[in-house]
Amino acid sequence: MSTDAQDGQMESGTEGQVAKMADSLFVRIAGIKRDHPEAAQRIDALELELRQSMESLHGEFEKLDEKRSRDLLTVLLINDIHRATESILSVS
């Protein structure tokens, strides 16, 4: 078997594992939402608020003249969101 064929099988196997993991998480999340409808509704509302805020930030970034500056600000924003999320979830 050629290396390219082996790589193709490895990628396919990895994609299959990722798909199974995603399906498993989707089912788990659906169950949690079903068991806790009030919390699920609040989370959905907060997700919408976060999405709107992110769209607003994206609009502000687009006003910058230089693409490199926009890219840098985008990376910094993602990093800040990641740190904030990590600190919030680690407290729980």
PDB file of N, CA and C in Angstrom:
ATOM      1  N   MET A   1       0.856  -1.183   0.000  1.00  0.00           N
ATOM      2  CA  MET A   1       0.000   0.000   0.000  1.00  0.00           C
ATOM      3  C   MET A   1       0.892   1.232   0.000  1.00  0.00           C
ATOM      4  N   SER A   2       0.565   2.184  -0.804  1.00  0.00           N
ATOM      5  CA  SER A   2       1.387   3.384  -0.899  1.00  0.00           C
ATOM      6  C   SER A   2       1.156   4.294   0.308  1.00  0.00           C
ATOM      7  N   THR A   3       2.088   5.175   0.513  1.00  0.00           N
ATOM      8  CA  THR A   3       1.973   6.123   1.622  1.00  0.00           C
ATOM      9  C   THR A   3       0.755   7.012   1.440  1.00  0.00           C
ATOM     10  N   ASP A   4       0.495   7.452   0.215  1.00  0.00           N
ATOM     11  CA  ASP A   4      -0.680   8.288  -0.049  1.00  0.00           C
ATOM     12  C   ASP A   4      -1.960   7.557   0.309  1.00  0.00           C
ATOM     13  N   ALA A   5      -2.038   6.281  -0.011  1.00  0.00           N
ATOM     14  CA  ALA A   5      -3.235   5.502   0.314  1.00  0.00           C
ATOM     15  C   ALA A   5      -3.375   5.351   1.824  1.00  0.00           C
ATOM     16  N   GLN A   6      -2.237   5.138   2.504  1.00  0.00           N
ATOM     17  CA  GLN A   6      -2.268   5.028   3.957  1.00  0.00           C
ATOM     18  C   GLN A   6      -2.720   6.334   4.583  1.00  0.00           C
ATOM     19  N   ASP A   7      -2.206   7.455   4.074  1.00  0.00           N
ATOM     20  CA  ASP A   7      -2.605   8.764   4.581  1.00  0.00           C
ATOM     21  C   ASP A   7      -4.096   8.974   4.379  1.00  0.00           C
ATOM     22  N   GLY A   8      -4.609   8.566   3.230  1.00  0.00           N
ATOM     23  CA  GLY A   8      -6.038   8.707   2.945  1.00  0.00           C
ATOM     24  C   GLY A   8      -6.878   7.914   3.923  1.00  0.00           C
ATOM     25  N   GLN A   9      -6.436   6.698   4.248  1.00  0.00           N
ATOM     26  CA  GLN A   9      -7.170   5.888   5.217  1.00  0.00           C
ATOM     27  C   GLN A   9      -7.089   6.500   6.603  1.00  0.00           C
ATOM     28  N   MET A  10      -5.941   7.052   6.976  1.00  0.00           N
ATOM     29  CA  MET A  10      -5.785   7.662   8.285  1.00  0.00           C
ATOM     30  C   MET A  10      -6.706   8.869   8.405  1.00  0.00           C
ATOM     31  N   GLU A  11      -6.721   9.713   7.369  1.00  0.00           N
ATOM     32  CA  GLU A  11      -7.590  10.882   7.402  1.00  0.00           C
ATOM     33  C   GLU A  11      -9.043  10.458   7.482  1.00  0.00           C
ATOM     34  N   SER A  12      -9.404   9.448   6.724  1.00  0.00           N
ATOM     35  CA  SER A  12     -10.782   8.970   6.728  1.00  0.00           C
ATOM     36  C   SER A  12     -11.153   8.438   8.107  1.00  0.00           C
ATOM     37  N   GLY A  13     -10.246   7.683   8.725  1.00  0.00           N
ATOM     38  CA  GLY A  13     -10.507   7.155  10.061  1.00  0.00           C
ATOM     39  C   GLY A  13     -10.635   8.266  11.089  1.00  0.00           C
ATOM     40  N   THR A  14      -9.779   9.262  10.995  1.00  0.00           N
ATOM     41  CA  THR A  14      -9.836  10.399  11.910  1.00  0.00           C
ATOM     42  C   THR A  14     -11.127  11.176  11.715  1.00  0.00           C
ATOM     43  N   GLU A  15     -11.510  11.394  10.458  1.00  0.00           N
ATOM     44  CA  GLU A  15     -12.764  12.102  10.185  1.00  0.00           C
ATOM     45  C   GLU A  15     -13.948  11.323  10.750  1.00  0.00           C
ATOM     46  N   GLY A  16     -13.896  10.006  10.636  1.00  0.00           N
ATOM     47  CA  GLY A  16     -14.967   9.178  11.187  1.00  0.00           C
ATOM     48  C   GLY A  16     -15.046   9.296  12.698  1.00  0.00           C
ATOM     49  N   GLN A  17     -13.898   9.327  13.340  1.00  0.00           N
ATOM     50  CA  GLN A  17     -13.867   9.475  14.795  1.00  0.00           C
ATOM     51  C   GLN A  17     -14.406  10.833  15.219  1.00  0.00           C
ATOM     52  N   VAL A  18     -14.030  11.859  14.484  1.00  0.00           N
ATOM     53  CA  VAL A  18     -14.518  13.200  14.791  1.00  0.00           C
ATOM     54  C   VAL A  18     -16.027  13.260  14.591  1.00  0.00           C
ATOM     55  N   ALA A  19     -16.513  12.658  13.524  1.00  0.00           N
ATOM     56  CA  ALA A  19     -17.957  12.640  13.266  1.00  0.00           C
ATOM     57  C   ALA A  19     -18.704  11.916  14.380  1.00  0.00           C
ATOM     58  N   LYS A  20     -18.171  10.795  14.836  1.00  0.00           N
ATOM     59  CA  LYS A  20     -18.803  10.055  15.938  1.00  0.00           C
ATOM     60  C   LYS A  20     -18.812  10.888  17.213  1.00  0.00           C
ATOM     61  N   MET A  21     -17.695  11.573  17.483  1.00  0.00           N
ATOM     62  CA  MET A  21     -17.609  12.410  18.669  1.00  0.00           C
ATOM     63  C   MET A  21     -18.625  13.554  18.584  1.00  0.00           C
ATOM     64  N   ALA A  22     -18.725  14.175  17.416  1.00  0.00           N
ATOM     65  CA  ALA A  22     -19.674  15.273  17.229  1.00  0.00           C
ATOM     66  C   ALA A  22     -21.101  14.780  17.413  1.00  0.00           C
ATOM     67  N   ASP A  23     -21.413  13.622  16.852  1.00  0.00           N
ATOM     68  CA  ASP A  23     -22.758  13.052  17.019  1.00  0.00           C
ATOM     69  C   ASP A  23     -23.052  12.772  18.486  1.00  0.00           C
ATOM     70  N   SER A  24     -22.072  12.213  19.173  1.00  0.00           N
ATOM     71  CA  SER A  24     -22.239  11.902  20.592  1.00  0.00           C
ATOM     72  C   SER A  24     -22.488  13.168  21.403  1.00  0.00           C
ATOM     73  N   LEU A  25     -21.713  14.213  21.126  1.00  0.00           N
ATOM     74  CA  LEU A  25     -21.901  15.478  21.845  1.00  0.00           C
ATOM     75  C   LEU A  25     -23.251  16.096  21.529  1.00  0.00           C
ATOM     76  N   PHE A  26     -23.676  16.014  20.269  1.00  0.00           N
ATOM     77  CA  PHE A  26     -24.974  16.563  19.886  1.00  0.00           C
ATOM     78  C   PHE A  26     -26.099  15.876  20.655  1.00  0.00           C
ATOM     79  N   VAL A  27     -26.045  14.559  20.749  1.00  0.00           N
ATOM     80  CA  VAL A  27     -27.071  13.798  21.479  1.00  0.00           C
ATOM     81  C   VAL A  27     -27.025  14.164  22.963  1.00  0.00           C
ATOM     82  N   ARG A  28     -25.832  14.281  23.512  1.00  0.00           N
ATOM     83  CA  ARG A  28     -25.693  14.627  24.939  1.00  0.00           C
ATOM     84  C   ARG A  28     -26.248  16.024  25.223  1.00  0.00           C
ATOM     85  N   ILE A  29     -25.919  16.973  24.360  1.00  0.00           N
ATOM     86  CA  ILE A  29     -26.411  18.343  24.542  1.00  0.00           C
ATOM     87  C   ILE A  29     -27.921  18.390  24.416  1.00  0.00           C
ATOM     88  N   ALA A  30     -28.473  17.666  23.440  1.00  0.00           N
ATOM     89  CA  ALA A  30     -29.931  17.630  23.271  1.00  0.00           C
ATOM     90  C   ALA A  30     -30.598  17.075  24.524  1.00  0.00           C
ATOM     91  N   GLY A  31     -30.007  16.063  25.123  1.00  0.00           N
ATOM     92  CA  GLY A  31     -30.559  15.489  26.351  1.00  0.00           C
ATOM     93  C   GLY A  31     -30.506  16.467  27.519  1.00  0.00           C
ATOM     94  N   ILE A  32     -29.399  17.167  27.651  1.00  0.00           N
ATOM     95  CA  ILE A  32     -29.263  18.154  28.720  1.00  0.00           C
ATOM     96  C   ILE A  32     -30.291  19.266  28.535  1.00  0.00           C
ATOM     97  N   LYS A  33     -30.438  19.748  27.294  1.00  0.00           N
ATOM     98  CA  LYS A  33     -31.422  20.802  27.029  1.00  0.00           C
ATOM     99  C   LYS A  33     -32.839  20.325  27.338  1.00  0.00           C
ATOM    100  N   ARG A  34     -33.120  19.083  27.001  1.00  0.00           N
ATOM    101  CA  ARG A  34     -34.450  18.517  27.271  1.00  0.00           C
ATOM    102  C   ARG A  34     -34.701  18.416  28.782  1.00  0.00           C
ATOM    103  N   ASP A  35     -33.668  18.036  29.534  1.00  0.00           N
ATOM    104  CA  ASP A  35     -33.799  17.870  30.984  1.00  0.00           C
ATOM    105  C   ASP A  35     -33.827  19.200  31.740  1.00  0.00           C
ATOM    106  N   HIS A  36     -33.303  20.256  31.118  1.00  0.00           N
ATOM    107  CA  HIS A  36     -33.210  21.564  31.771  1.00  0.00           C
ATOM    108  C   HIS A  36     -33.665  22.663  30.816  1.00  0.00           C
ATOM    109  N   PRO A  37     -34.962  22.709  30.500  1.00  0.00           N
ATOM    110  CA  PRO A  37     -35.443  23.644  29.473  1.00  0.00           C
ATOM    111  C   PRO A  37     -35.245  25.114  29.829  1.00  0.00           C
ATOM    112  N   GLU A  38     -35.380  25.473  31.110  1.00  0.00           N
ATOM    113  CA  GLU A  38     -35.219  26.881  31.483  1.00  0.00           C
ATOM    114  C   GLU A  38     -33.780  27.340  31.254  1.00  0.00           C
ATOM    115  N   ALA A  39     -32.847  26.532  31.677  1.00  0.00           N
ATOM    116  CA  ALA A  39     -31.433  26.869  31.485  1.00  0.00           C
ATOM    117  C   ALA A  39     -31.095  26.891  29.997  1.00  0.00           C
ATOM    118  N   ALA A  40     -31.653  25.967  29.254  1.00  0.00           N
ATOM    119  CA  ALA A  40     -31.396  25.912  27.812  1.00  0.00           C
ATOM    120  C   ALA A  40     -31.899  27.177  27.118  1.00  0.00           C
ATOM    121  N   GLN A  41     -33.067  27.654  27.523  1.00  0.00           N
ATOM    122  CA  GLN A  41     -33.606  28.876  26.926  1.00  0.00           C
ATOM    123  C   GLN A  41     -32.721  30.076  27.258  1.00  0.00           C
ATOM    124  N   ARG A  42     -32.242  30.139  28.478  1.00  0.00           N
ATOM    125  CA  ARG A  42     -31.368  31.249  28.886  1.00  0.00           C
ATOM    126  C   ARG A  42     -30.044  31.194  28.127  1.00  0.00           C
ATOM    127  N   ILE A  43     -29.507  30.004  27.984  1.00  0.00           N
ATOM    128  CA  ILE A  43     -28.262  29.837  27.233  1.00  0.00           C
ATOM    129  C   ILE A  43     -28.465  30.250  25.779  1.00  0.00           C
ATOM    130  N   ASP A  44     -29.580  29.845  25.188  1.00  0.00           N
ATOM    131  CA  ASP A  44     -29.872  30.226  23.799  1.00  0.00           C
ATOM    132  C   ASP A  44     -29.969  31.735  23.659  1.00  0.00           C
ATOM    133  N   ALA A  45     -30.595  32.392  24.625  1.00  0.00           N
ATOM    134  CA  ALA A  45     -30.713  33.856  24.587  1.00  0.00           C
ATOM    135  C   ALA A  45     -29.337  34.507  24.705  1.00  0.00           C
ATOM    136  N   LEU A  46     -28.514  33.983  25.604  1.00  0.00           N
ATOM    137  CA  LEU A  46     -27.164  34.528  25.763  1.00  0.00           C
ATOM    138  C   LEU A  46     -26.310  34.267  24.521  1.00  0.00           C
ATOM    139  N   GLU A  47     -26.515  33.116  23.902  1.00  0.00           N
ATOM    140  CA  GLU A  47     -25.787  32.813  22.671  1.00  0.00           C
ATOM    141  C   GLU A  47     -26.153  33.819  21.578  1.00  0.00           C
ATOM    142  N   LEU A  48     -27.427  34.158  21.481  1.00  0.00           N
ATOM    143  CA  LEU A  48     -27.865  35.151  20.498  1.00  0.00           C
ATOM    144  C   LEU A  48     -27.223  36.506  20.799  1.00  0.00           C
ATOM    145  N   GLU A  49     -27.211  36.883  22.070  1.00  0.00           N
ATOM    146  CA  GLU A  49     -26.594  38.153  22.469  1.00  0.00           C
ATOM    147  C   GLU A  49     -25.102  38.159  22.126  1.00  0.00           C
ATOM    148  N   LEU A  50     -24.420  37.047  22.392  1.00  0.00           N
ATOM    149  CA  LEU A  50     -22.998  36.937  22.078  1.00  0.00           C
ATOM    150  C   LEU A  50     -22.779  37.025  20.572  1.00  0.00           C
ATOM    151  N   ARG A  51     -23.617  36.346  19.806  1.00  0.00           N
ATOM    152  CA  ARG A  51     -23.499  36.373  18.352  1.00  0.00           C
ATOM    153  C   ARG A  51     -23.669  37.802  17.821  1.00  0.00           C
ATOM    154  N   GLN A  52     -24.630  38.521  18.362  1.00  0.00           N
ATOM    155  CA  GLN A  52     -24.862  39.894  17.926  1.00  0.00           C
ATOM    156  C   GLN A  52     -23.672  40.783  18.290  1.00  0.00           C
ATOM    157  N   SER A  53     -23.113  40.582  19.465  1.00  0.00           N
ATOM    158  CA  SER A  53     -21.934  41.344  19.872  1.00  0.00           C
ATOM    159  C   SER A  53     -20.744  41.044  18.966  1.00  0.00           C
ATOM    160  N   MET A  54     -20.572  39.777  18.624  1.00  0.00           N
ATOM    161  CA  MET A  54     -19.472  39.396  17.748  1.00  0.00           C
ATOM    162  C   MET A  54     -19.652  40.007  16.359  1.00  0.00           C
ATOM    163  N   GLU A  55     -20.874  40.040  15.862  1.00  0.00           N
ATOM    164  CA  GLU A  55     -21.136  40.654  14.566  1.00  0.00           C
ATOM    165  C   GLU A  55     -20.842  42.153  14.611  1.00  0.00           C
ATOM    166  N   SER A  56     -21.175  42.778  15.717  1.00  0.00           N
ATOM    167  CA  SER A  56     -20.891  44.196  15.888  1.00  0.00           C
ATOM    168  C   SER A  56     -19.376  44.445  15.900  1.00  0.00           C
ATOM    169  N   LEU A  57     -18.644  43.615  16.634  1.00  0.00           N
ATOM    170  CA  LEU A  57     -17.189  43.725  16.659  1.00  0.00           C
ATOM    171  C   LEU A  57     -16.598  43.505  15.265  1.00  0.00           C
ATOM    172  N   HIS A  58     -17.123  42.539  14.559  1.00  0.00           N
ATOM    173  CA  HIS A  58     -16.639  42.268  13.208  1.00  0.00           C
ATOM    174  C   HIS A  58     -16.838  43.499  12.323  1.00  0.00           C
ATOM    175  N   GLY A  59     -17.977  44.144  12.455  1.00  0.00           N
ATOM    176  CA  GLY A  59     -18.238  45.365  11.694  1.00  0.00           C
ATOM    177  C   GLY A  59     -17.236  46.457  12.012  1.00  0.00           C
ATOM    178  N   GLU A  60     -16.894  46.575  13.289  1.00  0.00           N
ATOM    179  CA  GLU A  60     -15.894  47.574  13.682  1.00  0.00           C
ATOM    180  C   GLU A  60     -14.519  47.222  13.125  1.00  0.00           C
ATOM    181  N   PHE A  61     -14.166  45.953  13.143  1.00  0.00           N
ATOM    182  CA  PHE A  61     -12.882  45.520  12.598  1.00  0.00           C
ATOM    183  C   PHE A  61     -12.794  45.828  11.106  1.00  0.00           C
ATOM    184  N   GLU A  62     -13.892  45.648  10.407  1.00  0.00           N
ATOM    185  CA  GLU A  62     -13.904  45.885   8.967  1.00  0.00           C
ATOM    186  C   GLU A  62     -13.666  47.350   8.629  1.00  0.00           C
ATOM    187  N   LYS A  63     -13.905  48.242   9.568  1.00  0.00           N
ATOM    188  CA  LYS A  63     -13.684  49.665   9.338  1.00  0.00           C
ATOM    189  C   LYS A  63     -12.196  50.029   9.348  1.00  0.00           C
ATOM    190  N   LEU A  64     -11.376  49.145   9.893  1.00  0.00           N
ATOM    191  CA  LEU A  64      -9.939  49.411   9.923  1.00  0.00           C
ATOM    192  C   LEU A  64      -9.381  49.353   8.503  1.00  0.00           C
ATOM    193  N   ASP A  65      -8.429  50.225   8.227  1.00  0.00           N
ATOM    194  CA  ASP A  65      -7.878  50.319   6.880  1.00  0.00           C
ATOM    195  C   ASP A  65      -7.004  49.129   6.504  1.00  0.00           C
ATOM    196  N   GLU A  66      -6.216  48.680   7.416  1.00  0.00           N
ATOM    197  CA  GLU A  66      -5.208  47.685   7.084  1.00  0.00           C
ATOM    198  C   GLU A  66      -5.671  46.283   7.466  1.00  0.00           C
ATOM    199  N   LYS A  67      -5.630  45.356   6.496  1.00  0.00           N
ATOM    200  CA  LYS A  67      -6.060  43.982   6.733  1.00  0.00           C
ATOM    201  C   LYS A  67      -5.238  43.339   7.853  1.00  0.00           C
ATOM    202  N   ARG A  68      -3.959  43.631   7.888  1.00  0.00           N
ATOM    203  CA  ARG A  68      -3.098  43.051   8.923  1.00  0.00           C
ATOM    204  C   ARG A  68      -3.567  43.459  10.312  1.00  0.00           C
ATOM    205  N   SER A  69      -3.989  44.701  10.470  1.00  0.00           N
ATOM    206  CA  SER A  69      -4.508  45.171  11.755  1.00  0.00           C
ATOM    207  C   SER A  69      -5.795  44.440  12.104  1.00  0.00           C
ATOM    208  N   ARG A  70      -6.664  44.259  11.123  1.00  0.00           N
ATOM    209  CA  ARG A  70      -7.922  43.529  11.363  1.00  0.00           C
ATOM    210  C   ARG A  70      -7.620  42.100  11.801  1.00  0.00           C
ATOM    211  N   ASP A  71      -6.670  41.462  11.104  1.00  0.00           N
ATOM    212  CA  ASP A  71      -6.316  40.082  11.441  1.00  0.00           C
ATOM    213  C   ASP A  71      -5.747  39.993  12.858  1.00  0.00           C
ATOM    214  N   LEU A  72      -4.890  40.928  13.208  1.00  0.00           N
ATOM    215  CA  LEU A  72      -4.296  40.935  14.547  1.00  0.00           C
ATOM    216  C   LEU A  72      -5.370  41.131  15.613  1.00  0.00           C
ATOM    217  N   LEU A  73      -6.271  42.063  15.403  1.00  0.00           N
ATOM    218  CA  LEU A  73      -7.348  42.290  16.369  1.00  0.00           C
ATOM    219  C   LEU A  73      -8.256  41.072  16.485  1.00  0.00           C
ATOM    220  N   THR A  74      -8.489  40.401  15.369  1.00  0.00           N
ATOM    221  CA  THR A  74      -9.313  39.193  15.393  1.00  0.00           C
ATOM    222  C   THR A  74      -8.655  38.119  16.248  1.00  0.00           C
ATOM    223  N   VAL A  75      -7.364  37.915  16.066  1.00  0.00           N
ATOM    224  CA  VAL A  75      -6.630  36.918  16.864  1.00  0.00           C
ATOM    225  C   VAL A  75      -6.655  37.294  18.341  1.00  0.00           C
ATOM    226  N   LEU A  76      -6.436  38.558  18.642  1.00  0.00           N
ATOM    227  CA  LEU A  76      -6.465  39.005  20.036  1.00  0.00           C
ATOM    228  C   LEU A  76      -7.842  38.806  20.653  1.00  0.00           C
ATOM    229  N   LEU A  77      -8.888  39.093  19.896  1.00  0.00           N
ATOM    230  CA  LEU A  77     -10.249  38.900  20.395  1.00  0.00           C
ATOM    231  C   LEU A  77     -10.526  37.426  20.679  1.00  0.00           C
ATOM    232  N   ILE A  78     -10.141  36.568  19.748  1.00  0.00           N
ATOM    233  CA  ILE A  78     -10.343  35.129  19.948  1.00  0.00           C
ATOM    234  C   ILE A  78      -9.587  34.663  21.184  1.00  0.00           C
ATOM    235  N   ASN A  79      -8.368  35.138  21.360  1.00  0.00           N
ATOM    236  CA  ASN A  79      -7.575  34.778  22.530  1.00  0.00           C
ATOM    237  C   ASN A  79      -8.264  35.237  23.819  1.00  0.00           C
ATOM    238  N   ASP A  80      -8.769  36.453  23.824  1.00  0.00           N
ATOM    239  CA  ASP A  80      -9.456  36.971  25.016  1.00  0.00           C
ATOM    240  C   ASP A  80     -10.718  36.169  25.324  1.00  0.00           C
ATOM    241  N   ILE A  81     -11.463  35.836  24.297  1.00  0.00           N
ATOM    242  CA  ILE A  81     -12.683  35.030  24.498  1.00  0.00           C
ATOM    243  C   ILE A  81     -12.309  33.673  25.062  1.00  0.00           C
ATOM    244  N   HIS A  82     -11.257  33.073  24.526  1.00  0.00           N
ATOM    245  CA  HIS A  82     -10.817  31.762  25.009  1.00  0.00           C
ATOM    246  C   HIS A  82     -10.413  31.836  26.477  1.00  0.00           C
ATOM    247  N   ARG A  83      -9.621  32.846  26.836  1.00  0.00           N
ATOM    248  CA  ARG A  83      -9.199  32.996  28.237  1.00  0.00           C
ATOM    249  C   ARG A  83     -10.382  33.232  29.161  1.00  0.00           C
ATOM    250  N   ALA A  84     -11.318  34.081  28.737  1.00  0.00           N
ATOM    251  CA  ALA A  84     -12.487  34.354  29.570  1.00  0.00           C
ATOM    252  C   ALA A  84     -13.330  33.092  29.758  1.00  0.00           C
ATOM    253  N   THR A  85     -13.522  32.364  28.684  1.00  0.00           N
ATOM    254  CA  THR A  85     -14.307  31.133  28.758  1.00  0.00           C
ATOM    255  C   THR A  85     -13.629  30.119  29.661  1.00  0.00           C
ATOM    256  N   GLU A  86     -12.327  29.972  29.495  1.00  0.00           N
ATOM    257  CA  GLU A  86     -11.580  29.025  30.319  1.00  0.00           C
ATOM    258  C   GLU A  86     -11.664  29.385  31.799  1.00  0.00           C
ATOM    259  N   SER A  87     -11.534  30.678  32.122  1.00  0.00           N
ATOM    260  CA  SER A  87     -11.581  31.075  33.525  1.00  0.00           C
ATOM    261  C   SER A  87     -12.974  30.896  34.099  1.00  0.00           C
ATOM    262  N   ILE A  88     -13.998  31.152  33.316  1.00  0.00           N
ATOM    263  CA  ILE A  88     -15.370  30.971  33.794  1.00  0.00           C
ATOM    264  C   ILE A  88     -15.664  29.498  34.027  1.00  0.00           C
ATOM    265  N   LEU A  89     -15.278  28.666  33.075  1.00  0.00           N
ATOM    266  CA  LEU A  89     -15.581  27.223  33.188  1.00  0.00           C
ATOM    267  C   LEU A  89     -14.723  26.540  34.236  1.00  0.00           C
ATOM    268  N   SER A  90     -13.537  27.050  34.514  1.00  0.00           N
ATOM    269  CA  SER A  90     -12.700  26.421  35.524  1.00  0.00           C
ATOM    270  C   SER A  90     -13.197  26.714  36.937  1.00  0.00           C
ATOM    271  N   VAL A  91     -13.960  27.772  37.102  1.00  0.00           N
ATOM    272  CA  VAL A  91     -14.530  28.110  38.411  1.00  0.00           C
ATOM    273  C   VAL A  91     -15.683  27.172  38.741  1.00  0.00           C
ATOM    274  N   SER A  92     -16.400  26.746  37.715  1.00  0.00           N
ATOM    275  CA  SER A  92     -17.591  25.902  37.920  1.00  0.00           C
ATOM    276  C   SER A  92     -17.234  24.546  38.460  1.00  0.00           C
TER     277      SER A  92
END
